[in-house]
């Protein structure tokens, strides 16, 4: 929105002695003509803009007009930039860019380099290595629907592969374990539900609106809890997986076995996701106990091998 961009530019000019038009254009992803138009608008609003000519020129605000800003400490600003950067990795928008610009506007020019260095020392990237490209655009549509109290409709595939058509009142976006979810009231089920956005397709932002229900948002967290039985399985893992297993299980549940191997007592839910997750480690991860889970791993591996052998035999016979 233009007003947000103007406020962001004013904050930058209040903090810095001057800033060039190309810098502003790059920061807000606008062209130079729009920069000059925004500067003129700010000037007409009564904020005295100074134009510096020449190769090192730019725009500034009269020193007599500037105010002291000590709202945030340097550590506060660094933490804000790290947090905003993590959100920007999965939700890119002009609104977010303007927010980041406002935060950077609080940084004294002489400390800018040091703060940027500190904020770049920690990167939180929620984007998957390989992902559904429609997720980010769907997140933006859902965000608009939440802000404007509009219904959304979409096709959905649940974790068991069952397909359905849904129409919901969207209430909250949740980023959990690097995956986006939408929580909303499903008109089909007449109850609150949670949907993985990666399993959504043909999402439409509808024109009809709804009156938001008076809900306790903390109560929505219950939909992230699972009633599926959680068990502990015993894994024999390669040394290269040690740190990952400590992250999942805790250091006290990962112990040396010998020959660069470790035993990990892994929290496990018997569903396709968890079986697929551990199978991706191949021979570096072997289930030892319990027997029924080990047998299921063997069955799935054999099914995959059968599929490859069937293809090989078919190719050989042609």
C-alpha atoms as a PDB file:
ATOM      1  CA  UNK A   1       0.000   0.000   0.000  1.00  0.00           C
ATOM      2  CA  UNK A   2       1.248   3.503  -0.850  1.00  0.00           C
ATOM      3  CA  UNK A   3       0.647   5.007   2.613  1.00  0.00           C
ATOM      4  CA  UNK A   4       2.770   2.270   4.245  1.00  0.00           C
ATOM      5  CA  UNK A   5       5.564   2.923   1.767  1.00  0.00           C
ATOM      6  CA  UNK A   6       5.467   6.677   2.435  1.00  0.00           C
ATOM      7  CA  UNK A   7       5.666   6.141   6.197  1.00  0.00           C
ATOM      8  CA  UNK A   8       8.606   3.766   5.690  1.00  0.00           C
ATOM      9  CA  UNK A   9      10.454   6.317   3.533  1.00  0.00           C
ATOM     10  CA  UNK A  10       9.863   9.043   6.136  1.00  0.00           C
ATOM     11  CA  UNK A  11      11.316   6.828   8.880  1.00  0.00           C
ATOM     12  CA  UNK A  12      14.384   6.130   6.753  1.00  0.00           C
ATOM     13  CA  UNK A  13      14.898   9.831   6.053  1.00  0.00           C
ATOM     14  CA  UNK A  14      14.498  10.704   9.736  1.00  0.00           C
ATOM     15  CA  UNK A  15      17.274   8.278  10.634  1.00  0.00           C
ATOM     16  CA  UNK A  16      19.769   8.861   7.831  1.00  0.00           C
ATOM     17  CA  UNK A  17      21.372  12.061   6.663  1.00  0.00           C
ATOM     18  CA  UNK A  18      20.550  11.150   3.075  1.00  0.00           C
ATOM     19  CA  UNK A  19      19.514   8.222   0.936  1.00  0.00           C
ATOM     20  CA  UNK A  20      19.667   7.958  -2.850  1.00  0.00           C
ATOM     21  CA  UNK A  21      16.743   7.403  -5.206  1.00  0.00           C
ATOM     22  CA  UNK A  22      18.192   4.097  -6.550  1.00  0.00           C
ATOM     23  CA  UNK A  23      18.512   2.820  -2.964  1.00  0.00           C
ATOM     24  CA  UNK A  24      14.865   3.596  -2.281  1.00  0.00           C
ATOM     25  CA  UNK A  25      13.798   2.033  -5.567  1.00  0.00           C
ATOM     26  CA  UNK A  26      15.656  -1.194  -4.786  1.00  0.00           C
ATOM     27  CA  UNK A  27      14.470  -1.312  -1.172  1.00  0.00           C
ATOM     28  CA  UNK A  28      10.773  -0.941  -2.001  1.00  0.00           C
ATOM     29  CA  UNK A  29      10.890  -2.664  -5.396  1.00  0.00           C
ATOM     30  CA  UNK A  30       9.528   0.365  -7.268  1.00  0.00           C
ATOM     31  CA  UNK A  31      10.823   2.403 -10.204  1.00  0.00           C
ATOM     32  CA  UNK A  32      12.626   5.758  -9.978  1.00  0.00           C
ATOM     33  CA  UNK A  33       9.600   7.691 -11.204  1.00  0.00           C
ATOM     34  CA  UNK A  34       7.578   6.354  -8.267  1.00  0.00           C
ATOM     35  CA  UNK A  35      10.396   7.306  -5.877  1.00  0.00           C
ATOM     36  CA  UNK A  36      10.381  10.926  -7.052  1.00  0.00           C
ATOM     37  CA  UNK A  37       6.581  11.014  -6.888  1.00  0.00           C
ATOM     38  CA  UNK A  38       6.635   9.683  -3.294  1.00  0.00           C
ATOM     39  CA  UNK A  39       9.279  12.251  -2.265  1.00  0.00           C
ATOM     40  CA  UNK A  40       7.139  15.039  -3.722  1.00  0.00           C
ATOM     41  CA  UNK A  41       4.097  13.741  -1.837  1.00  0.00           C
ATOM     42  CA  UNK A  42       6.059  13.738   1.438  1.00  0.00           C
ATOM     43  CA  UNK A  43       7.286  17.273   0.744  1.00  0.00           C
ATOM     44  CA  UNK A  44       3.742  18.487   0.022  1.00  0.00           C
ATOM     45  CA  UNK A  45       2.608  16.940   3.311  1.00  0.00           C
ATOM     46  CA  UNK A  46       4.759  19.499   5.135  1.00  0.00           C
ATOM     47  CA  UNK A  47       7.894  17.465   5.814  1.00  0.00           C
ATOM     48  CA  UNK A  48      10.855  19.533   4.564  1.00  0.00           C
ATOM     49  CA  UNK A  49      12.833  17.420   2.074  1.00  0.00           C
ATOM     50  CA  UNK A  50      16.359  18.433   1.050  1.00  0.00           C
ATOM     51  CA  UNK A  51      17.674  17.267  -2.335  1.00  0.00           C
ATOM     52  CA  UNK A  52      21.429  16.703  -2.599  1.00  0.00           C
ATOM     53  CA  UNK A  53      22.730  16.997  -6.163  1.00  0.00           C
ATOM     54  CA  UNK A  54      25.645  15.208  -7.808  1.00  0.00           C
ATOM     55  CA  UNK A  55      27.000  11.677  -8.062  1.00  0.00           C
ATOM     56  CA  UNK A  56      26.676  11.116  -4.304  1.00  0.00           C
ATOM     57  CA  UNK A  57      23.375  12.900  -4.025  1.00  0.00           C
ATOM     58  CA  UNK A  58      20.069  11.815  -2.571  1.00  0.00           C
ATOM     59  CA  UNK A  59      17.262  12.965  -0.333  1.00  0.00           C
ATOM     60  CA  UNK A  60      17.213  14.010   3.303  1.00  0.00           C
ATOM     61  CA  UNK A  61      15.125  15.850   5.908  1.00  0.00           C
ATOM     62  CA  UNK A  62      16.153  19.145   7.522  1.00  0.00           C
ATOM     63  CA  UNK A  63      18.097  18.424  10.709  1.00  0.00           C
ATOM     64  CA  UNK A  64      15.923  20.884  12.651  1.00  0.00           C
ATOM     65  CA  UNK A  65      12.897  18.730  11.829  1.00  0.00           C
ATOM     66  CA  UNK A  66      14.320  15.414  13.050  1.00  0.00           C
ATOM     67  CA  UNK A  67      13.425  13.866  16.393  1.00  0.00           C
ATOM     68  CA  UNK A  68      15.334  11.602  18.750  1.00  0.00           C
ATOM     69  CA  UNK A  69      14.438   7.908  18.427  1.00  0.00           C
ATOM     70  CA  UNK A  70      15.538   5.552  21.214  1.00  0.00           C
ATOM     71  CA  UNK A  71      12.593   3.136  21.200  1.00  0.00           C
ATOM     72  CA  UNK A  72      14.650   0.019  20.396  1.00  0.00           C
ATOM     73  CA  UNK A  73      18.124  -1.087  21.383  1.00  0.00           C
ATOM     74  CA  UNK A  74      20.576  -2.412  18.797  1.00  0.00           C
ATOM     75  CA  UNK A  75      19.913  -5.971  20.034  1.00  0.00           C
ATOM     76  CA  UNK A  76      16.154  -5.401  19.646  1.00  0.00           C
ATOM     77  CA  UNK A  77      16.552  -4.277  16.036  1.00  0.00           C
ATOM     78  CA  UNK A  78      18.834  -7.212  15.185  1.00  0.00           C
ATOM     79  CA  UNK A  79      16.299  -9.684  16.633  1.00  0.00           C
ATOM     80  CA  UNK A  80      13.476  -8.019  14.679  1.00  0.00           C
ATOM     81  CA  UNK A  81      15.411  -8.272  11.396  1.00  0.00           C
ATOM     82  CA  UNK A  82      16.165 -11.961  11.986  1.00  0.00           C
ATOM     83  CA  UNK A  83      12.513 -12.679  12.735  1.00  0.00           C
ATOM     84  CA  UNK A  84      11.207 -10.704   9.764  1.00  0.00           C
ATOM     85  CA  UNK A  85      13.738 -12.394   7.492  1.00  0.00           C
ATOM     86  CA  UNK A  86      12.466 -15.832   8.529  1.00  0.00           C
ATOM     87  CA  UNK A  87       8.898 -14.831   7.664  1.00  0.00           C
ATOM     88  CA  UNK A  88      10.004 -13.315   4.341  1.00  0.00           C
ATOM     89  CA  UNK A  89      11.419 -16.696   3.262  1.00  0.00           C
ATOM     90  CA  UNK A  90       7.874 -18.066   3.008  1.00  0.00           C
ATOM     91  CA  UNK A  91       5.607 -15.025   2.774  1.00  0.00           C
ATOM     92  CA  UNK A  92       6.842 -12.289   0.439  1.00  0.00           C
ATOM     93  CA  UNK A  93       4.671  -9.176   0.206  1.00  0.00           C
ATOM     94  CA  UNK A  94       4.950  -5.401  -0.107  1.00  0.00           C
ATOM     95  CA  UNK A  95       3.555  -5.093   3.406  1.00  0.00           C
ATOM     96  CA  UNK A  96       6.379  -7.195   4.816  1.00  0.00           C
ATOM     97  CA  UNK A  97       9.030  -5.346   2.787  1.00  0.00           C
ATOM     98  CA  UNK A  98       7.702  -2.062   4.159  1.00  0.00           C
ATOM     99  CA  UNK A  99       7.847  -3.412   7.717  1.00  0.00           C
ATOM    100  CA  UNK A 100      11.467  -4.455   7.239  1.00  0.00           C
ATOM    101  CA  UNK A 101      12.258  -1.019   5.817  1.00  0.00           C
ATOM    102  CA  UNK A 102      10.683   0.640   8.872  1.00  0.00           C
ATOM    103  CA  UNK A 103      12.825  -1.453  11.202  1.00  0.00           C
ATOM    104  CA  UNK A 104      15.965  -0.636   9.196  1.00  0.00           C
ATOM    105  CA  UNK A 105      14.956   3.021   9.430  1.00  0.00           C
ATOM    106  CA  UNK A 106      15.582   2.811  13.177  1.00  0.00           C
ATOM    107  CA  UNK A 107      19.253   1.973  12.604  1.00  0.00           C
ATOM    108  CA  UNK A 108      21.740   4.845  12.833  1.00  0.00           C
ATOM    109  CA  UNK A 109      23.718   5.091   9.604  1.00  0.00           C
ATOM    110  CA  UNK A 110      27.050   4.527  11.370  1.00  0.00           C
ATOM    111  CA  UNK A 111      25.764   1.244  12.861  1.00  0.00           C
ATOM    112  CA  UNK A 112      24.013  -0.112   9.778  1.00  0.00           C
ATOM    113  CA  UNK A 113      26.919  -2.295   8.616  1.00  0.00           C
ATOM    114  CA  UNK A 114      27.443  -3.846  12.048  1.00  0.00           C
ATOM    115  CA  UNK A 115      23.751  -4.656  12.547  1.00  0.00           C
ATOM    116  CA  UNK A 116      23.374  -6.135   9.060  1.00  0.00           C
ATOM    117  CA  UNK A 117      26.416  -8.314   9.774  1.00  0.00           C
ATOM    118  CA  UNK A 118      24.917  -9.548  13.068  1.00  0.00           C
ATOM    119  CA  UNK A 119      21.460 -10.174  11.562  1.00  0.00           C
ATOM    120  CA  UNK A 120      23.029 -12.147   8.684  1.00  0.00           C
ATOM    121  CA  UNK A 121      24.879 -14.406  11.136  1.00  0.00           C
ATOM    122  CA  UNK A 122      21.598 -16.230  11.816  1.00  0.00           C
ATOM    123  CA  UNK A 123      19.363 -17.325   8.945  1.00  0.00           C
ATOM    124  CA  UNK A 124      16.001 -19.001   9.509  1.00  0.00           C
ATOM    125  CA  UNK A 125      14.797 -20.436   6.213  1.00  0.00           C
ATOM    126  CA  UNK A 126      11.454 -22.238   6.372  1.00  0.00           C
ATOM    127  CA  UNK A 127      11.314 -23.039   2.666  1.00  0.00           C
ATOM    128  CA  UNK A 128      11.660 -26.766   1.804  1.00  0.00           C
ATOM    129  CA  UNK A 129      14.437 -28.053  -0.453  1.00  0.00           C
ATOM    130  CA  UNK A 130      11.798 -29.202  -2.904  1.00  0.00           C
ATOM    131  CA  UNK A 131       8.371 -27.666  -2.546  1.00  0.00           C
ATOM    132  CA  UNK A 132       4.995 -27.035  -4.087  1.00  0.00           C
ATOM    133  CA  UNK A 133       5.327 -23.658  -5.812  1.00  0.00           C
ATOM    134  CA  UNK A 134       1.629 -22.952  -5.320  1.00  0.00           C
ATOM    135  CA  UNK A 135       1.962 -22.914  -1.503  1.00  0.00           C
ATOM    136  CA  UNK A 136       3.314 -19.363  -1.312  1.00  0.00           C
ATOM    137  CA  UNK A 137       0.616 -17.972  -3.603  1.00  0.00           C
ATOM    138  CA  UNK A 138      -2.059 -19.860  -1.654  1.00  0.00           C
ATOM    139  CA  UNK A 139      -0.723 -18.426   1.597  1.00  0.00           C
ATOM    140  CA  UNK A 140      -1.122 -14.923   0.163  1.00  0.00           C
ATOM    141  CA  UNK A 141      -4.700 -15.650  -0.960  1.00  0.00           C
ATOM    142  CA  UNK A 142      -5.593 -17.058   2.456  1.00  0.00           C
ATOM    143  CA  UNK A 143      -4.017 -14.073   4.192  1.00  0.00           C
ATOM    144  CA  UNK A 144      -6.228 -11.775   2.096  1.00  0.00           C
ATOM    145  CA  UNK A 145      -9.301 -13.898   2.908  1.00  0.00           C
ATOM    146  CA  UNK A 146      -8.564 -13.695   6.649  1.00  0.00           C
ATOM    147  CA  UNK A 147      -8.105  -9.920   6.517  1.00  0.00           C
ATOM    148  CA  UNK A 148     -11.313  -9.392   4.535  1.00  0.00           C
ATOM    149  CA  UNK A 149     -13.442 -12.118   6.226  1.00  0.00           C
ATOM    150  CA  UNK A 150     -14.019 -13.907   2.911  1.00  0.00           C
ATOM    151  CA  UNK A 151     -14.787 -17.583   2.371  1.00  0.00           C
ATOM    152  CA  UNK A 152     -12.292 -19.773   0.527  1.00  0.00           C
ATOM    153  CA  UNK A 153     -13.024 -22.971  -1.400  1.00  0.00           C
ATOM    154  CA  UNK A 154     -10.552 -25.672  -2.398  1.00  0.00           C
ATOM    155  CA  UNK A 155      -9.950 -29.334  -3.132  1.00  0.00           C
ATOM    156  CA  UNK A 156      -8.236 -31.244  -0.343  1.00  0.00           C
ATOM    157  CA  UNK A 157      -6.400 -34.559  -0.016  1.00  0.00           C
ATOM    158  CA  UNK A 158      -6.031 -35.773   3.597  1.00  0.00           C
ATOM    159  CA  UNK A 159      -3.184 -37.896   4.957  1.00  0.00           C
ATOM    160  CA  UNK A 160      -5.061 -41.088   3.998  1.00  0.00           C
ATOM    161  CA  UNK A 161      -5.415 -39.953   0.389  1.00  0.00           C
ATOM    162  CA  UNK A 162      -9.134 -39.168   0.619  1.00  0.00           C
ATOM    163  CA  UNK A 163     -10.232 -36.320  -1.658  1.00  0.00           C
ATOM    164  CA  UNK A 164     -12.912 -33.752  -0.780  1.00  0.00           C
ATOM    165  CA  UNK A 165     -14.208 -30.322  -1.740  1.00  0.00           C
ATOM    166  CA  UNK A 166     -14.204 -27.794   1.111  1.00  0.00           C
ATOM    167  CA  UNK A 167     -15.528 -24.310   1.806  1.00  0.00           C
ATOM    168  CA  UNK A 168     -14.279 -22.693   4.997  1.00  0.00           C
ATOM    169  CA  UNK A 169     -14.199 -19.520   7.030  1.00  0.00           C
ATOM    170  CA  UNK A 170     -10.406 -18.965   7.384  1.00  0.00           C
ATOM    171  CA  UNK A 171      -9.242 -17.787  10.814  1.00  0.00           C
ATOM    172  CA  UNK A 172      -5.533 -18.430  11.279  1.00  0.00           C
ATOM    173  CA  UNK A 173      -2.393 -19.323   9.318  1.00  0.00           C
ATOM    174  CA  UNK A 174       0.092 -21.511  11.184  1.00  0.00           C
ATOM    175  CA  UNK A 175       3.707 -22.286  10.216  1.00  0.00           C
ATOM    176  CA  UNK A 176       4.683 -25.509  11.976  1.00  0.00           C
ATOM    177  CA  UNK A 177       7.761 -27.618  11.246  1.00  0.00           C
ATOM    178  CA  UNK A 178       8.384 -25.573   8.059  1.00  0.00           C
ATOM    179  CA  UNK A 179       4.901 -26.354   6.733  1.00  0.00           C
ATOM    180  CA  UNK A 180       1.948 -23.971   6.401  1.00  0.00           C
ATOM    181  CA  UNK A 181      -1.505 -24.859   7.770  1.00  0.00           C
ATOM    182  CA  UNK A 182      -4.827 -23.032   7.678  1.00  0.00           C
ATOM    183  CA  UNK A 183      -7.279 -23.264  10.562  1.00  0.00           C
ATOM    184  CA  UNK A 184     -10.897 -22.466   9.816  1.00  0.00           C
ATOM    185  CA  UNK A 185     -14.542 -23.336  10.209  1.00  0.00           C
ATOM    186  CA  UNK A 186     -15.575 -25.952   7.632  1.00  0.00           C
ATOM    187  CA  UNK A 187     -19.126 -25.434   6.373  1.00  0.00           C
ATOM    188  CA  UNK A 188     -19.321 -29.098   5.311  1.00  0.00           C
ATOM    189  CA  UNK A 189     -18.307 -30.569   8.670  1.00  0.00           C
ATOM    190  CA  UNK A 190     -19.855 -27.664  10.628  1.00  0.00           C
ATOM    191  CA  UNK A 191     -16.828 -27.569  12.882  1.00  0.00           C
ATOM    192  CA  UNK A 192     -13.297 -26.184  13.047  1.00  0.00           C
ATOM    193  CA  UNK A 193     -10.693 -28.056  11.018  1.00  0.00           C
ATOM    194  CA  UNK A 194      -7.016 -27.727  10.126  1.00  0.00           C
ATOM    195  CA  UNK A 195      -5.673 -28.202   6.578  1.00  0.00           C
ATOM    196  CA  UNK A 196      -2.101 -28.588   5.300  1.00  0.00           C
ATOM    197  CA  UNK A 197      -1.746 -25.996   2.538  1.00  0.00           C
ATOM    198  CA  UNK A 198       0.564 -28.304   0.582  1.00  0.00           C
ATOM    199  CA  UNK A 199      -2.437 -30.670   0.204  1.00  0.00           C
ATOM    200  CA  UNK A 200      -4.711 -27.916  -1.121  1.00  0.00           C
ATOM    201  CA  UNK A 201      -5.389 -27.386  -4.821  1.00  0.00           C
ATOM    202  CA  UNK A 202      -7.715 -25.186  -6.919  1.00  0.00           C
ATOM    203  CA  UNK A 203      -7.984 -22.651  -4.111  1.00  0.00           C
ATOM    204  CA  UNK A 204     -10.478 -19.847  -4.784  1.00  0.00           C
ATOM    205  CA  UNK A 205     -11.010 -16.620  -2.868  1.00  0.00           C
ATOM    206  CA  UNK A 206     -14.803 -16.201  -2.863  1.00  0.00           C
ATOM    207  CA  UNK A 207     -16.661 -12.910  -2.919  1.00  0.00           C
ATOM    208  CA  UNK A 208     -19.154 -13.784  -0.167  1.00  0.00           C
ATOM    209  CA  UNK A 209     -18.110 -12.787   3.339  1.00  0.00           C
ATOM    210  CA  UNK A 210     -18.801 -14.163   6.807  1.00  0.00           C
ATOM    211  CA  UNK A 211     -19.243 -12.708  10.280  1.00  0.00           C
ATOM    212  CA  UNK A 212     -16.243 -13.910  12.349  1.00  0.00           C
ATOM    213  CA  UNK A 213     -17.119 -16.227  15.198  1.00  0.00           C
ATOM    214  CA  UNK A 214     -16.129 -15.304  18.735  1.00  0.00           C
ATOM    215  CA  UNK A 215     -13.486 -17.957  19.393  1.00  0.00           C
ATOM    216  CA  UNK A 216     -10.622 -18.638  21.768  1.00  0.00           C
ATOM    217  CA  UNK A 217      -7.601 -18.912  19.464  1.00  0.00           C
ATOM    218  CA  UNK A 218      -5.679 -20.948  22.011  1.00  0.00           C
ATOM    219  CA  UNK A 219      -8.416 -23.578  21.809  1.00  0.00           C
ATOM    220  CA  UNK A 220      -7.565 -24.036  18.106  1.00  0.00           C
ATOM    221  CA  UNK A 221      -4.206 -25.504  19.113  1.00  0.00           C
ATOM    222  CA  UNK A 222      -5.978 -28.719  20.054  1.00  0.00           C
ATOM    223  CA  UNK A 223      -6.291 -29.517  16.357  1.00  0.00           C
ATOM    224  CA  UNK A 224      -2.508 -29.949  16.160  1.00  0.00           C
ATOM    225  CA  UNK A 225      -2.610 -32.667  18.757  1.00  0.00           C
ATOM    226  CA  UNK A 226      -2.987 -36.180  17.443  1.00  0.00           C
ATOM    227  CA  UNK A 227      -5.021 -39.014  18.888  1.00  0.00           C
ATOM    228  CA  UNK A 228      -2.878 -41.488  16.973  1.00  0.00           C
ATOM    229  CA  UNK A 229      -0.811 -43.727  19.218  1.00  0.00           C
ATOM    230  CA  UNK A 230       2.767 -42.543  19.703  1.00  0.00           C
ATOM    231  CA  UNK A 231       5.262 -45.324  20.347  1.00  0.00           C
ATOM    232  CA  UNK A 232       9.038 -45.517  20.769  1.00  0.00           C
ATOM    233  CA  UNK A 233      10.976 -47.565  18.237  1.00  0.00           C
ATOM    234  CA  UNK A 234      14.597 -48.680  18.459  1.00  0.00           C
ATOM    235  CA  UNK A 235      16.762 -47.642  15.514  1.00  0.00           C
ATOM    236  CA  UNK A 236      20.307 -48.541  14.509  1.00  0.00           C
ATOM    237  CA  UNK A 237      21.632 -45.433  12.761  1.00  0.00           C
ATOM    238  CA  UNK A 238      24.812 -44.323  11.043  1.00  0.00           C
ATOM    239  CA  UNK A 239      27.046 -41.750  12.722  1.00  0.00           C
ATOM    240  CA  UNK A 240      26.068 -39.197  10.059  1.00  0.00           C
ATOM    241  CA  UNK A 241      22.502 -39.195  11.472  1.00  0.00           C
ATOM    242  CA  UNK A 242      23.546 -38.731  15.103  1.00  0.00           C
ATOM    243  CA  UNK A 243      22.822 -34.982  15.329  1.00  0.00           C
ATOM    244  CA  UNK A 244      19.461 -35.384  13.605  1.00  0.00           C
ATOM    245  CA  UNK A 245      18.452 -38.158  16.006  1.00  0.00           C
ATOM    246  CA  UNK A 246      19.498 -36.074  19.009  1.00  0.00           C
ATOM    247  CA  UNK A 247      17.274 -33.277  17.707  1.00  0.00           C
ATOM    248  CA  UNK A 248      14.272 -35.631  17.483  1.00  0.00           C
ATOM    249  CA  UNK A 249      14.855 -37.886  20.465  1.00  0.00           C
ATOM    250  CA  UNK A 250      16.990 -35.949  22.927  1.00  0.00           C
ATOM    251  CA  UNK A 251      20.631 -36.582  23.740  1.00  0.00           C
ATOM    252  CA  UNK A 252      19.811 -39.040  26.512  1.00  0.00           C
ATOM    253  CA  UNK A 253      18.022 -41.341  24.020  1.00  0.00           C
ATOM    254  CA  UNK A 254      20.911 -41.655  21.569  1.00  0.00           C
ATOM    255  CA  UNK A 255      23.752 -43.941  22.684  1.00  0.00           C
ATOM    256  CA  UNK A 256      26.928 -45.365  21.074  1.00  0.00           C
ATOM    257  CA  UNK A 257      26.728 -48.867  19.579  1.00  0.00           C
ATOM    258  CA  UNK A 258      30.169 -49.332  17.980  1.00  0.00           C
ATOM    259  CA  UNK A 259      31.573 -49.302  14.438  1.00  0.00           C
ATOM    260  CA  UNK A 260      30.394 -45.711  13.906  1.00  0.00           C
ATOM    261  CA  UNK A 261      26.804 -46.700  14.714  1.00  0.00           C
ATOM    262  CA  UNK A 262      24.332 -45.416  17.301  1.00  0.00           C
ATOM    263  CA  UNK A 263      21.146 -46.677  18.907  1.00  0.00           C
ATOM    264  CA  UNK A 264      18.296 -44.145  18.876  1.00  0.00           C
ATOM    265  CA  UNK A 265      14.990 -44.494  20.734  1.00  0.00           C
ATOM    266  CA  UNK A 266      12.768 -42.650  18.284  1.00  0.00           C
ATOM    267  CA  UNK A 267       9.192 -41.309  18.890  1.00  0.00           C
ATOM    268  CA  UNK A 268       7.080 -42.804  16.119  1.00  0.00           C
ATOM    269  CA  UNK A 269       3.516 -42.728  14.785  1.00  0.00           C
ATOM    270  CA  UNK A 270       2.543 -45.618  12.508  1.00  0.00           C
ATOM    271  CA  UNK A 271       1.459 -43.728   9.398  1.00  0.00           C
ATOM    272  CA  UNK A 272       2.695 -43.203   5.839  1.00  0.00           C
ATOM    273  CA  UNK A 273       4.473 -39.970   6.674  1.00  0.00           C
ATOM    274  CA  UNK A 274       6.672 -41.435   9.423  1.00  0.00           C
ATOM    275  CA  UNK A 275       7.490 -44.602   7.474  1.00  0.00           C
ATOM    276  CA  UNK A 276       8.419 -42.527   4.413  1.00  0.00           C
ATOM    277  CA  UNK A 277      10.463 -40.127   6.538  1.00  0.00           C
ATOM    278  CA  UNK A 278      12.718 -42.858   7.945  1.00  0.00           C
ATOM    279  CA  UNK A 279      12.915 -44.845   4.693  1.00  0.00           C
ATOM    280  CA  UNK A 280      14.550 -41.884   2.987  1.00  0.00           C
ATOM    281  CA  UNK A 281      17.727 -42.567   5.010  1.00  0.00           C
ATOM    282  CA  UNK A 282      18.167 -45.933   3.272  1.00  0.00           C
ATOM    283  CA  UNK A 283      20.741 -48.288   4.771  1.00  0.00           C
ATOM    284  CA  UNK A 284      21.845 -45.619   7.264  1.00  0.00           C
ATOM    285  CA  UNK A 285      18.756 -46.256   9.390  1.00  0.00           C
ATOM    286  CA  UNK A 286      17.477 -49.729  10.383  1.00  0.00           C
ATOM    287  CA  UNK A 287      14.531 -50.442  12.676  1.00  0.00           C
ATOM    288  CA  UNK A 288      15.395 -53.088  15.294  1.00  0.00           C
ATOM    289  CA  UNK A 289      12.263 -53.037  17.479  1.00  0.00           C
ATOM    290  CA  UNK A 290       9.351 -53.552  17.735  1.00  0.00           C
ATOM    291  CA  UNK A 291       8.958 -56.517  15.405  1.00  0.00           C
ATOM    292  CA  UNK A 292       5.674 -55.379  13.795  1.00  0.00           C
ATOM    293  CA  UNK A 293       7.165 -52.019  12.794  1.00  0.00           C
ATOM    294  CA  UNK A 294      10.336 -53.664  11.461  1.00  0.00           C
ATOM    295  CA  UNK A 295       8.159 -56.056   9.435  1.00  0.00           C
ATOM    296  CA  UNK A 296       6.220 -53.130   7.965  1.00  0.00           C
ATOM    297  CA  UNK A 297       9.493 -51.457   6.910  1.00  0.00           C
ATOM    298  CA  UNK A 298      10.587 -54.702   5.228  1.00  0.00           C
ATOM    299  CA  UNK A 299       7.212 -54.996   3.471  1.00  0.00           C
ATOM    300  CA  UNK A 300       7.411 -51.441   2.123  1.00  0.00           C
ATOM    301  CA  UNK A 301      10.986 -51.926   0.921  1.00  0.00           C
ATOM    302  CA  UNK A 302      10.016 -55.179  -0.850  1.00  0.00           C
ATOM    303  CA  UNK A 303       7.027 -53.489  -2.501  1.00  0.00           C
ATOM    304  CA  UNK A 304       9.338 -50.784  -3.851  1.00  0.00           C
ATOM    305  CA  UNK A 305      11.800 -53.420  -5.096  1.00  0.00           C
ATOM    306  CA  UNK A 306       8.962 -55.378  -6.768  1.00  0.00           C
ATOM    307  CA  UNK A 307       7.829 -52.238  -8.585  1.00  0.00           C
ATOM    308  CA  UNK A 308      11.352 -51.633  -9.935  1.00  0.00           C
ATOM    309  CA  UNK A 309      11.798 -55.277 -10.940  1.00  0.00           C
ATOM    310  CA  UNK A 310       8.429 -55.273 -12.725  1.00  0.00           C
ATOM    311  CA  UNK A 311       9.486 -52.213 -14.687  1.00  0.00           C
ATOM    312  CA  UNK A 312      12.883 -53.748 -15.507  1.00  0.00           C
ATOM    313  CA  UNK A 313      11.243 -56.991 -16.725  1.00  0.00           C
ATOM    314  CA  UNK A 314       8.777 -55.024 -18.844  1.00  0.00           C
ATOM    315  CA  UNK A 315      11.578 -52.996 -20.410  1.00  0.00           C
ATOM    316  CA  UNK A 316      13.621 -56.141 -21.058  1.00  0.00           C
ATOM    317  CA  UNK A 317      10.778 -57.889 -22.857  1.00  0.00           C
ATOM    318  CA  UNK A 318      10.282 -55.061 -25.370  1.00  0.00           C
END
